């Protein structure tokens, strides 16, 4: 027990206040704009969704402080337990999971296991690569890839390509930071770039052929492994003008771009966003995947910059904590959490403004979703544990 807990409550004075303040501010923004996104719903449960977000945030804050109090070194020795638990839940999704649009299964027992698996994989990889006797050779590199491939494969079977892709840069950043098998790392990176170029080229080339829809989908699935709805999303991204009516899959994208652009500099005001209130931005996505569109329309460019600054402060604070940690376990843990947060923020916001294809990634702390909120708060709780237990000196900002 003495190895797990610090000597006294004074340890909480070592909390990275920038990280804590940024997280709480983003959660508060989420509560406000979930309220706005659901204000005109007929379902009373949806109108109270912002209260549910606040309640889970309160529970998450308790877990956050508990993880910050505990010693991350002792906790990560047991990181294989949440990893195995995440795999069991991912397998349960495929067996008895709740269907979520276009045949995808992503929920079981009221949670989204892919969110749990992302954090659990970061914890396990940080422990394996950060130990003093950890090898930096090809065997360790292959082992990490294998441990990552299992949850990625299970997530792809749901199918959830967006979430699966977040694993890649997150674990890649940790391997790079740990300097594991550099030649194999860069070879894998080059192979991944070639594979991505092949998928994009195949979809683009298929659009130039005069094939019926079923034949095109069948051939693309054989060549790229993409499901039909994934092919459509990528095709709509590459050729946005082919569906001018928006009725074949580009409606959400077009309405999101209109919402973000119409917010102008200062926005239209709280609960004054026309795209959301009039239902042009579909109500099924306005409070989760497209919450940034609601925020940008109502708070404008200024509000969007504030949100981006808060994310930047949280990510930078996590990297500062990594720089002040004397052991590799803490460093790699912070690098993994910071990279995961950056990827989710970048992909979510980029898709709302048309810079990336549509995918179902939530915006951390702001999108409605209890599993995403709790796991991201837990991730930052681990970073705070590194700030308390692993620092060389008081962090300076």
Foldseek 3Di string as FASTA:
>chain_A
DPQWFDDDPCLCVLFPVLLVVLLVVLLVQQLQLQCLLQVPPPDVVSNCLSVVSVVLLVVLVVLLQVLLRTFLLVVLVPLVVLLVVLLVVLVVQVVPADQDPPRFGQHDPQAGSLLSNLLSLLSNLLNQLFDPPHDLEPVNVVVNVVSLVSSLVSCCVSPANLSSVLSVVLVLLLNVVSNRHVVVSVVVVVVVVVLVVQLLVLLVVLVVDPDDLVVSQVVSCVRNVDHSVRSVLSNCLVPVVVCVVCPPPCQLQVLLQVLLVQLAAAADARSRRCCSVVCSNPSVPCQWLSVVSSQCRHGNPVSVVVSVVSLVSNLVSLCLLLVFFPTSSLNSLSSSLSSSLVSLQVVSVCSSNSNDGDGRRGNESNHRHSNRPSSNSSSVSNSSNSSSPGGPDRGDD
